[in-house]
Amino acid sequence: MRWSVHCTLSLILASGIDTPARTGAWSRNGRRCLWAAIMAVWLFSAVAGLSVLSRFDNAPGIGANAPARWPADSVLARTPGQPTLVLLAHPQCSCTGASLDELGEALARARTRPKTYVLFLKPEGFSTGWEQTDSWRIAAALPGVTAVRDDSGREAIRFGAATSGQTLLYDADGTLLFSGGITAARGHAGDNAGRSELVSLLNRGQSARAGTLNPGQSGHDATSVFGCPLFGI
């Protein structure tokens, strides 16, 4: 505001004055005003940009409408007497790395090791190997994890998943225990409700945060999932 008033007064006082000294003074004031205006525009743009990024990072994707029982037509094999964990990922999504970091952390803390799959979407019409990005290699390197190509998203559709990072835990009998994300925001690794819940279910078979999570449609525990859409990008 001080610069705005100063600039306005400078322009008013300089109007009609054509002496060299005063013309030079007006020119100096004009330059100051120009730089002040540029800085104000830059600051406004920076704040607006950060606000947009913050809203994007904290905006959850569409949660899965996962079946309450393991889908009978799934091509994924379950191991009798062992829970099954499935994470669905888009190989080109920049948020996938954080979900894989959290998956590795959850498995490292789990006393009960689930049979674990990471499904990477490969849309129809894309060449073989398109899905084998750095995210694929990171997932495949995790102990006990099997990376699987999901042609045309058939498995994602069977599991009702719509967002990269969607994580599903089924117990040894094939009943859905957990459906949600295991990051606190898009592309952000670190402590979060989803990972804590997943570890608790694997270690104790019960919720770590009873009453604090959003109940799923079929009675399972659910958290928000943060990531890119699986379909349409």
Protein backbone atom coordinates (compact mmCIF):
# COMPACT_ATOMS: atom_id res chain seq x y z
CA MET A 1 0.00 0.00 0.00
CA ARG A 2 2.84 2.44 0.85
CA TRP A 3 4.42 1.87 -2.54
CA SER A 4 1.06 2.27 -4.26
CA VAL A 5 0.45 5.68 -2.61
CA HIS A 6 4.02 6.78 -3.26
CA CYS A 7 3.80 5.84 -6.93
CA THR A 8 0.46 7.57 -7.37
CA LEU A 9 1.70 10.79 -5.73
CA SER A 10 4.87 10.70 -7.79
CA LEU A 11 2.90 10.50 -11.01
CA ILE A 12 0.57 13.31 -9.96
CA LEU A 13 3.38 15.64 -8.90
CA ALA A 14 5.36 14.90 -12.01
CA SER A 15 2.53 15.62 -14.44
CA GLY A 16 3.11 18.78 -16.42
CA ILE A 17 6.71 19.10 -15.20
CA ASP A 18 9.29 18.99 -17.97
CA THR A 19 12.52 20.25 -16.38
CA PRO A 20 15.39 17.78 -16.82
CA ALA A 21 15.92 17.30 -13.07
CA ARG A 22 12.27 16.67 -12.35
CA THR A 23 11.88 14.52 -15.45
CA GLY A 24 14.79 12.41 -14.19
CA ALA A 25 13.20 12.17 -10.76
CA TRP A 26 9.94 11.04 -12.33
CA SER A 27 11.84 8.46 -14.36
CA ARG A 28 13.49 7.08 -11.22
CA ASN A 29 10.17 6.98 -9.39
CA GLY A 30 8.57 5.36 -12.41
CA ARG A 31 11.18 2.61 -12.41
CA ARG A 32 10.61 2.05 -8.69
CA CYS A 33 6.87 1.81 -9.31
CA LEU A 34 7.41 -0.64 -12.15
CA TRP A 35 9.62 -2.89 -10.03
CA ALA A 36 7.16 -2.67 -7.13
CA ALA A 37 4.34 -3.72 -9.46
CA ILE A 38 6.40 -6.60 -10.85
CA MET A 39 7.24 -7.82 -7.35
CA ALA A 40 3.60 -7.57 -6.27
CA VAL A 41 2.46 -9.62 -9.28
CA TRP A 42 5.21 -12.20 -8.67
CA LEU A 43 4.32 -12.52 -4.98
CA PHE A 44 0.63 -12.90 -5.75
CA SER A 45 1.37 -15.56 -8.39
CA ALA A 46 3.68 -17.47 -6.04
CA VAL A 47 1.12 -17.53 -3.22
CA ALA A 48 -1.65 -18.55 -5.62
CA GLY A 49 0.52 -21.31 -7.09
CA LEU A 50 1.41 -22.70 -3.66
CA SER A 51 -2.25 -22.67 -2.70
CA VAL A 52 -3.18 -24.66 -5.83
CA LEU A 53 -0.39 -27.18 -5.18
CA SER A 54 -1.47 -27.60 -1.56
CA ARG A 55 -5.06 -28.26 -2.57
CA PHE A 56 -3.89 -30.79 -5.19
CA ASP A 57 -1.57 -32.62 -2.77
CA ASN A 58 -4.33 -32.93 -0.17
CA ALA A 59 -7.18 -33.81 -2.51
CA PRO A 60 -7.96 -37.55 -2.27
CA GLY A 61 -8.78 -39.61 -5.32
CA ILE A 62 -11.79 -41.85 -5.81
CA GLY A 63 -11.79 -44.70 -3.33
CA ALA A 64 -12.32 -48.27 -4.49
CA ASN A 65 -15.69 -49.93 -4.51
CA ALA A 66 -13.95 -53.15 -3.56
CA PRO A 67 -15.81 -56.45 -3.26
CA ALA A 68 -16.32 -57.63 0.29
CA ARG A 69 -15.08 -61.07 -0.73
CA TRP A 70 -12.09 -61.94 -2.90
CA PRO A 71 -13.27 -61.88 -6.54
CA ALA A 72 -13.58 -65.45 -7.80
CA ASP A 73 -12.54 -64.49 -11.34
CA SER A 74 -9.27 -62.80 -10.30
CA VAL A 75 -6.15 -64.18 -11.98
CA LEU A 76 -4.16 -63.55 -8.79
CA ALA A 77 -3.48 -66.65 -6.73
CA ARG A 78 -4.12 -66.68 -3.00
CA THR A 79 -2.17 -68.83 -0.55
CA PRO A 80 -4.34 -70.88 1.85
CA GLY A 81 -4.09 -69.65 5.42
CA GLN A 82 -2.35 -66.41 4.43
CA PRO A 83 -3.78 -62.88 3.99
CA THR A 84 -3.46 -61.25 0.58
CA LEU A 85 -2.41 -57.65 0.00
CA VAL A 86 -2.96 -55.89 -3.32
CA LEU A 87 -1.73 -52.42 -4.31
CA LEU A 88 -2.93 -51.06 -7.64
CA ALA A 89 -0.67 -48.56 -9.38
CA HIS A 90 -0.34 -46.47 -12.50
CA PRO A 91 3.26 -46.87 -13.71
CA GLN A 92 3.48 -43.28 -14.97
CA CYS A 93 2.05 -41.64 -11.84
CA SER A 94 4.61 -39.60 -9.89
CA CYS A 95 2.73 -40.37 -6.65
CA THR A 96 3.34 -44.12 -6.96
CA GLY A 97 6.85 -43.95 -5.48
CA ALA A 98 5.55 -42.72 -2.11
CA SER A 99 2.93 -45.49 -2.00
CA LEU A 100 5.63 -48.09 -2.69
CA ASP A 101 7.85 -46.60 0.03
CA GLU A 102 4.98 -46.93 2.49
CA LEU A 103 4.21 -50.45 1.30
CA GLY A 104 7.81 -51.47 1.99
CA GLU A 105 7.66 -49.84 5.42
CA ALA A 106 4.39 -51.59 6.28
CA LEU A 107 5.70 -54.99 5.23
CA ALA A 108 8.90 -54.46 7.22
CA ARG A 109 6.82 -53.81 10.36
CA ALA A 110 4.36 -56.63 9.82
CA ARG A 111 4.81 -59.82 11.80
CA THR A 112 2.29 -61.63 9.60
CA ARG A 113 3.56 -61.57 6.03
CA PRO A 114 0.78 -61.36 3.46
CA LYS A 115 1.01 -62.63 -0.08
CA THR A 116 1.55 -59.27 -1.78
CA TYR A 117 0.91 -58.08 -5.31
CA VAL A 118 1.50 -54.71 -6.94
CA LEU A 119 -0.61 -54.46 -10.09
CA PHE A 120 0.62 -52.03 -12.75
CA LEU A 121 -1.96 -50.87 -15.24
CA LYS A 122 -1.12 -51.33 -18.93
CA PRO A 123 -3.80 -49.71 -21.09
CA GLU A 124 -4.82 -51.34 -24.33
CA GLY A 125 -2.75 -50.29 -27.33
CA PHE A 126 0.49 -49.59 -25.45
CA SER A 127 3.63 -51.54 -26.26
CA THR A 128 4.98 -54.36 -24.12
CA GLY A 129 7.25 -53.00 -21.40
CA TRP A 130 5.46 -49.62 -21.19
CA GLU A 131 4.51 -50.45 -17.62
CA GLN A 132 8.05 -51.38 -16.53
CA THR A 133 9.09 -48.00 -15.18
CA ASP A 134 11.22 -47.23 -12.12
CA SER A 135 8.11 -47.83 -10.03
CA TRP A 136 7.88 -51.38 -11.38
CA ARG A 137 11.52 -52.04 -10.54
CA ILE A 138 11.11 -50.62 -7.02
CA ALA A 139 8.05 -52.81 -6.39
CA ALA A 140 9.71 -55.92 -7.78
CA ALA A 141 12.70 -55.37 -5.49
CA LEU A 142 10.58 -55.32 -2.31
CA PRO A 143 10.91 -58.60 -0.36
CA GLY A 144 7.94 -60.88 -0.88
CA VAL A 145 6.27 -58.61 -3.44
CA THR A 146 5.22 -59.73 -6.92
CA ALA A 147 4.83 -57.06 -9.62
CA VAL A 148 2.10 -57.94 -12.10
CA ARG A 149 1.07 -56.33 -15.38
CA ASP A 150 -2.64 -55.55 -15.41
CA ASP A 151 -3.65 -55.62 -19.08
CA SER A 152 -6.39 -53.08 -19.82
CA GLY A 153 -6.93 -52.72 -16.07
CA ARG A 154 -8.98 -55.91 -15.88
CA GLU A 155 -7.90 -56.68 -12.32
CA ALA A 156 -8.35 -53.05 -11.27
CA ILE A 157 -11.92 -53.27 -12.52
CA ARG A 158 -12.51 -56.55 -10.67
CA PHE A 159 -11.31 -54.92 -7.46
CA GLY A 160 -13.30 -51.72 -8.10
CA ALA A 161 -10.16 -49.54 -8.01
CA ALA A 162 -10.00 -46.11 -9.63
CA THR A 163 -6.93 -44.41 -8.10
CA SER A 164 -3.24 -45.28 -8.16
CA GLY A 165 -2.06 -46.29 -4.70
CA GLN A 166 -5.29 -48.06 -3.81
CA THR A 167 -4.43 -50.77 -1.30
CA LEU A 168 -6.60 -53.75 -0.38
CA LEU A 169 -6.08 -56.33 2.36
CA TYR A 170 -8.05 -59.58 2.39
CA ASP A 171 -7.78 -62.03 5.25
CA ALA A 172 -6.94 -65.73 4.90
CA ASP A 173 -10.62 -66.51 4.28
CA GLY A 174 -10.90 -63.93 1.51
CA THR A 175 -12.81 -61.28 3.46
CA LEU A 176 -11.93 -57.63 2.86
CA LEU A 177 -10.32 -56.05 5.93
CA PHE A 178 -8.92 -52.79 4.57
CA SER A 179 -9.37 -50.58 1.52
CA GLY A 180 -7.64 -47.24 1.15
CA GLY A 181 -4.42 -45.34 0.67
CA ILE A 182 -1.21 -45.68 2.65
CA THR A 183 0.12 -42.12 2.19
CA ALA A 184 -1.01 -38.93 3.93
CA ALA A 185 -1.10 -36.91 0.68
CA ARG A 186 -0.15 -37.21 -2.97
CA GLY A 187 3.49 -38.23 -3.30
CA HIS A 188 4.23 -37.76 0.42
CA ALA A 189 5.76 -40.61 2.40
CA GLY A 190 5.69 -40.65 6.20
CA ASP A 191 3.49 -41.69 9.11
CA ASN A 192 -0.16 -41.89 8.13
CA ALA A 193 -3.42 -43.52 9.21
CA GLY A 194 -3.56 -45.97 6.31
CA ARG A 195 -0.14 -47.48 6.89
CA SER A 196 -0.71 -47.68 10.66
CA GLU A 197 -4.03 -49.42 10.12
CA LEU A 198 -2.54 -51.88 7.66
CA VAL A 199 0.29 -52.82 10.04
CA SER A 200 -2.14 -53.18 12.95
CA LEU A 201 -4.43 -55.48 10.99
CA LEU A 202 -1.49 -57.64 9.95
CA ASN A 203 -0.02 -57.78 13.45
CA ARG A 204 -3.09 -57.98 15.64
CA GLY A 205 -5.96 -58.64 13.28
CA GLN A 206 -7.78 -55.56 14.55
CA SER A 207 -7.98 -51.84 13.91
CA ALA A 208 -5.34 -49.57 15.46
CA ARG A 209 -7.68 -46.60 15.36
CA ALA A 210 -11.11 -47.91 16.14
CA GLY A 211 -13.72 -45.22 15.69
CA THR A 212 -11.38 -42.79 13.90
CA LEU A 213 -11.49 -44.22 10.38
CA ASN A 214 -14.23 -43.89 7.80
CA PRO A 215 -16.22 -47.12 7.70
CA GLY A 216 -16.25 -48.87 4.33
CA GLN A 217 -19.44 -49.86 2.62
CA SER A 218 -19.02 -53.50 3.66
CA GLY A 219 -17.84 -52.83 7.21
CA HIS A 220 -14.10 -52.91 6.50
CA ASP A 221 -11.69 -50.15 7.53
CA ALA A 222 -11.08 -47.44 4.95
CA THR A 223 -8.81 -44.43 4.49
CA SER A 224 -8.52 -41.84 1.73
CA VAL A 225 -6.33 -42.76 -1.23
CA PHE A 226 -4.03 -40.16 -2.79
CA GLY A 227 -2.79 -40.66 -6.33
CA CYS A 228 -3.45 -40.27 -10.05
CA PRO A 229 -6.53 -41.77 -11.67
CA LEU A 230 -5.83 -45.28 -12.89
CA PHE A 231 -7.86 -44.71 -16.03
CA GLY A 232 -7.87 -41.70 -18.31
CA ILE A 233 -4.26 -40.41 -18.02
